[in-house]
Structures are given as structure tokens and as C-alpha cells.
C-alpha atoms as a PDB file:
ATOM      1  CA  LEU A   1      86.111 128.829 106.699  1.00  0.00           C
ATOM      2  CA  LEU A   2      88.284 131.814 105.716  1.00  0.00           C
ATOM      3  CA  LEU A   3      88.758 132.458 101.969  1.00  0.00           C
ATOM      4  CA  LEU A   4      91.523 134.844 100.927  1.00  0.00           C
ATOM      5  CA  ASP A   5      92.035 135.792  97.266  1.00  0.00           C
ATOM      6  CA  GLU A   6      95.367 137.642  96.687  1.00  0.00           C
ATOM      7  CA  PRO A   7      95.287 139.082 100.205  1.00  0.00           C
ATOM      8  CA  THR A   8      98.718 140.741 100.045  1.00  0.00           C
ATOM      9  CA  ASN A   9      98.058 142.938  97.037  1.00  0.00           C
ATOM     10  CA  HIS A  10      98.742 146.599  97.947  1.00  0.00           C
ATOM     11  CA  LEU A  11     100.033 145.752 101.455  1.00  0.00           C
ATOM     12  CA  ASP A  12     103.387 146.866 102.891  1.00  0.00           C
ATOM     13  CA  LEU A  13     105.735 144.354 104.571  1.00  0.00           C
ATOM     14  CA  ASP A  14     104.583 145.125 108.126  1.00  0.00           C
ATOM     15  CA  THR A  15     100.952 144.641 107.186  1.00  0.00           C
ATOM     16  CA  VAL A  16     101.750 141.370 105.380  1.00  0.00           C
ATOM     17  CA  GLU A  17     103.503 140.105 108.515  1.00  0.00           C
ATOM     18  CA  ALA A  18     100.481 141.091 110.611  1.00  0.00           C
ATOM     19  CA  LEU A  19      98.238 139.247 108.166  1.00  0.00           C
ATOM     20  CA  VAL A  20     100.455 136.145 108.438  1.00  0.00           C
ATOM     21  CA  ARG A  21     100.062 136.198 112.239  1.00  0.00           C
ATOM     22  CA  ALA A  22      96.308 136.714 111.972  1.00  0.00           C
ATOM     23  CA  VAL A  23      95.834 133.851 109.509  1.00  0.00           C
ATOM     24  CA  GLN A  24      98.007 131.551 111.625  1.00  0.00           C
ATOM     25  CA  SER A  25      96.016 132.305 114.749  1.00  0.00           C
ATOM     26  CA  TYR A  26      92.715 131.597 112.999  1.00  0.00           C
ATOM     27  CA  GLU A  27      91.280 128.387 114.410  1.00  0.00           C
ATOM     28  CA  GLY A  28      89.301 127.302 111.348  1.00  0.00           C
ATOM     29  CA  ALA A  29      90.199 126.189 107.825  1.00  0.00           C
ATOM     30  CA  VAL A  30      91.853 128.729 105.509  1.00  0.00           C
ATOM     31  CA  VAL A  31      91.964 128.720 101.692  1.00  0.00           C
ATOM     32  CA  VAL A  32      94.484 131.150 100.208  1.00  0.00           C
ATOM     33  CA  ALA A  33      94.860 131.962  96.512  1.00  0.00           C
ATOM     34  CA  SER A  34      98.023 133.995  96.104  1.00  0.00           C
ATOM     35  CA  HIS A  35     100.993 134.633  93.821  1.00  0.00           C
ATOM     36  CA  ASP A  36     102.939 135.777  96.912  1.00  0.00           C
ATOM     37  CA  LEU A  37     104.985 132.658  97.568  1.00  0.00           C
ATOM     38  CA  ARG A  38     106.641 134.078 100.670  1.00  0.00           C
ATOM     39  CA  PHE A  39     103.230 134.809 102.224  1.00  0.00           C
ATOM     40  CA  VAL A  40     101.959 131.286 101.476  1.00  0.00           C
ATOM     41  CA  GLN A  41     105.196 129.723 102.777  1.00  0.00           C
ATOM     42  CA  ASP A  42     105.063 131.760 105.988  1.00  0.00           C
ATOM     43  CA  VAL A  43     101.389 130.868 106.609  1.00  0.00           C
ATOM     44  CA  VAL A  44     102.023 127.157 106.005  1.00  0.00           C
ATOM     45  CA  SER A  45     105.314 126.901 107.861  1.00  0.00           C
ATOM     46  CA  GLY A  46     104.500 129.033 110.912  1.00  0.00           C
ATOM     47  CA  GLN A  47     107.328 131.493 110.232  1.00  0.00           C
ATOM     48  CA  ALA A  48     107.159 135.240 109.713  1.00  0.00           C
ATOM     49  CA  ALA A  49     109.257 136.945 107.056  1.00  0.00           C
ATOM     50  CA  GLY A  50     112.428 138.586 108.304  1.00  0.00           C
ATOM     51  CA  PRO A  51     113.543 142.121 107.508  1.00  0.00           C
ATOM     52  CA  GLU A  52     114.944 141.101 104.120  1.00  0.00           C
ATOM     53  CA  GLY A  53     111.909 138.967 103.309  1.00  0.00           C
ATOM     54  CA  GLY A  54     113.564 135.669 104.303  1.00  0.00           C
ATOM     55  CA  PRO A  55     112.588 133.447 107.182  1.00  0.00           C
ATOM     56  CA  ASP A  56     114.014 134.577 110.501  1.00  0.00           C
ATOM     57  CA  SER A  57     113.736 131.987 113.298  1.00  0.00           C
ATOM     58  CA  SER A  58     113.983 134.725 115.958  1.00  0.00           C
ATOM     59  CA  ARG A  59     110.674 136.099 114.704  1.00  0.00           C
ATOM     60  CA  SER A  60     108.816 132.794 114.653  1.00  0.00           C
ATOM     61  CA  VAL A  61     105.087 133.365 114.864  1.00  0.00           C
ATOM     62  CA  ARG A  62     104.439 130.073 116.586  1.00  0.00           C
ATOM     63  CA  PRO A  63     106.239 126.786 117.164  1.00  0.00           C
ATOM     64  CA  GLN A  64     106.506 124.405 114.264  1.00  0.00           C
ATOM     65  CA  PRO A  65     103.216 122.556 113.791  1.00  0.00           C
ATOM     66  CA  GLU A  66     102.808 119.121 115.252  1.00  0.00           C
ATOM     67  CA  PRO A  67     102.780 116.253 112.669  1.00  0.00           C
ATOM     68  CA  GLY A  68      99.396 116.184 110.996  1.00  0.00           C
ATOM     69  CA  GLN A  69      98.638 119.820 111.909  1.00  0.00           C
ATOM     70  CA  ALA A  70     100.875 121.577 109.372  1.00  0.00           C
ATOM     71  CA  GLY A  71      99.300 123.551 106.558  1.00  0.00           C
ATOM     72  CA  GLN A  72      98.660 121.613 103.395  1.00  0.00           C
ATOM     73  CA  VAL A  73      99.402 122.881  99.909  1.00  0.00           C
ATOM     74  CA  PHE A  74      97.186 121.951  96.967  1.00  0.00           C
ATOM     75  CA  VAL A  75      97.991 122.773  93.362  1.00  0.00           C
ATOM     76  CA  LEU A  76      95.314 123.570  90.791  1.00  0.00           C
ATOM     77  CA  LYS A  77      95.911 121.809  87.494  1.00  0.00           C
ATOM     78  CA  GLY A  78      94.745 122.714  84.002  1.00  0.00           C
ATOM     79  CA  ALA A  79      91.204 121.450  83.372  1.00  0.00           C
ATOM     80  CA  GLY A  80      89.932 121.784  86.937  1.00  0.00           C
ATOM     81  CA  GLY A  81      92.127 119.117  88.493  1.00  0.00           C
ATOM     82  CA  ILE A  82      93.709 119.494  91.915  1.00  0.00           C
ATOM     83  CA  SER A  83      96.544 117.645  93.599  1.00  0.00           C
ATOM     84  CA  ARG A  84      98.209 117.790  96.994  1.00  0.00           C
ATOM     85  CA  TRP A  85     101.875 118.892  97.078  1.00  0.00           C
ATOM     86  CA  ASP A  86     103.579 116.617  99.618  1.00  0.00           C
ATOM     87  CA  ALA A  87     107.224 117.036  98.649  1.00  0.00           C
ATOM     88  CA  GLU A  88     109.841 118.127 101.202  1.00  0.00           C
ATOM     89  CA  GLY A  89     110.387 121.858 100.970  1.00  0.00           C
ATOM     90  CA  GLY A  90     106.740 122.891 100.728  1.00  0.00           C
ATOM     91  CA  VAL A  91     105.700 125.869  98.688  1.00  0.00           C
ATOM     92  CA  MET A  92     109.210 126.950  97.746  1.00  0.00           C
ATOM     93  CA  ALA A  93     110.058 123.465  96.428  1.00  0.00           C
ATOM     94  CA  TYR A  94     106.981 123.650  94.229  1.00  0.00           C
ATOM     95  CA  ALA A  95     108.034 127.102  92.992  1.00  0.00           C
ATOM     96  CA  ASP A  96     111.499 125.739  92.138  1.00  0.00           C
ATOM     97  CA  LYS A  97     109.909 122.873  90.200  1.00  0.00           C
ATOM     98  CA  VAL A  98     107.753 125.285  88.187  1.00  0.00           C
ATOM     99  CA  ARG A  99     110.746 127.592  87.484  1.00  0.00           C
ATOM    100  CA  ALA A 100     112.793 124.660  86.219  1.00  0.00           C
ATOM    101  CA  LYS A 101     109.927 123.589  83.946  1.00  0.00           C
ATOM    102  CA  VAL A 102     109.586 127.145  82.547  1.00  0.00           C
ATOM    103  CA  VAL A 103     113.330 127.449  81.923  1.00  0.00           C
ATOM    104  CA  LYS A 104     113.323 124.092  80.109  1.00  0.00           C
ATOM    105  CA  ARG A 105     110.303 125.106  78.009  1.00  0.00           C
ATOM    106  CA  GLN A 106     111.939 128.461  77.137  1.00  0.00           C
ATOM    107  CA  GLY A 107     115.073 126.639  76.007  1.00  0.00           C
ATOM    108  CA  SER A 108     112.987 124.397  73.734  1.00  0.00           C
ATOM    109  CA  LEU A 109     111.203 127.403  72.273  1.00  0.00           C
ATOM    110  CA  LEU A 110     114.499 129.217  71.596  1.00  0.00           C
ATOM    111  CA  GLN A 111     115.913 126.150  69.795  1.00  0.00           C
ATOM    112  CA  GLN A 112     112.907 126.128  67.507  1.00  0.00           C
ATOM    113  CA  LEU A 113     113.565 129.695  66.344  1.00  0.00           C
END
């Protein structure tokens, strides 16, 4: 079991990409706690970040995982709860959902002022 807590802090892009490849080649279970959504997406999807930070299929770290072998994303909830994120789009879809929720909440707060 490999536990990584904010592993990309203070790393440059080349080192982050090397870390993605290392984590993907690890044969055991990996638990990652990170605010770096691109890193998490790359680890889960099997893709390395391209030069501008976006996925670049020509730099694929490994083929797409077989069904049932893909990385799984779990979301920690408030009072110690945890749920599996199964929606299409993976980590980035979850980030979009959270952004939309924050924007909606900010709008509500502004209306109250």
C-alpha cells in the first residue's frame, strides 16, 4: 500500500510527470490525497500531462486500463463519510460539480447582502 499526501507540493512539471509514471507503474494499491486535480486525473486515467498541462495522447504513460482495472475515485464527505465517484468524466467531472456548487453558493450569499 502506497500512501501519498500532497505529493506534488514543491515539484516542477517534469518531476510531477515522473511521479505520475512511477505511481502508475506501482503494482499495489495507492491512496492519494491531493489538491492537484491534474495529477490525480493523470494517475487515474493513465495519461501524462502535456507541455501545457493538458492531456496529450502522444505522451500516454500506458494504454487505457482494462474495464475493472481503472483507478477509482473516492470523495471524503463532511462528518467522516466517504463515497465513490462513478460519474463519467472522472476527477475533472467532480471538480466541475464542486465549482458549480461554489458559484451557486456565492450567488446566494451575494443576494443576501
